[in-house]
Amino acid sequence: GPKTAAKWLQQIDGLDNVPTDGPAIISANHRSFFDTPLLMVVSPRPVTFLGKAEYMDKWLTRHLFPAVGMVPIDRSDGHASMSALTTAADLLRDGQLVGIYPEGTRSRDGNLHRGHTGVAHLAITTGAPIIPVGLIGTHHVQPIGASIPRPFRGPVRVRFGTPVFPADYRAGGG
């Protein structure tokens, strides 16, 4: 578990911001393929990620991802994002913790890119709080293009932020 993680995983903050039960959305920045397995390991409860169906083309990921709770989303047609949101909403209504990258794909330049509205839409329609997560240093562990992670290239930090509750924004306030 997180307590026995290697020294390269220097800091995990805010685990108590993740509700112990009920629906919640883990909304993280995305710089590395390594982000998803890292969040699955450090999360205090199981988290289901929505992932590109293309990842299912390789033998390892085709068997590994569903085993660890990743739901493939086919992004080849225009309805992919809607089917992803429907799947995520169903998981949330079932009380699960769902991981989503609002940027939609990994950042190649290290900058945080404009998030898509899907996370906010999901939170408002399901009532699930959004837990913002900052991942720092994962691009050293598995840069884009690297096929395997090099976990001792840290330091890596994971910060779970204060939950954002959709009810606070429904009335147009902020």
Foldseek 3Di string as FASTA:
>chain_A
DVVPDDVLAPEEADLVLDDPWAEAEEEEAAAFPVVVVVCCVPRPDGEEEEEACVLCVDPCSVPPNVVSHYHHFHPPDPCRVVVVLVVSLVCRLVTHYYYDHQCRDHDQVPDGDDGHCSVLVSCQVNQHWYWYKYKPFQCQQGPPPRPHGNSNSHNIYMYTHHTDTSVCPPVPHD
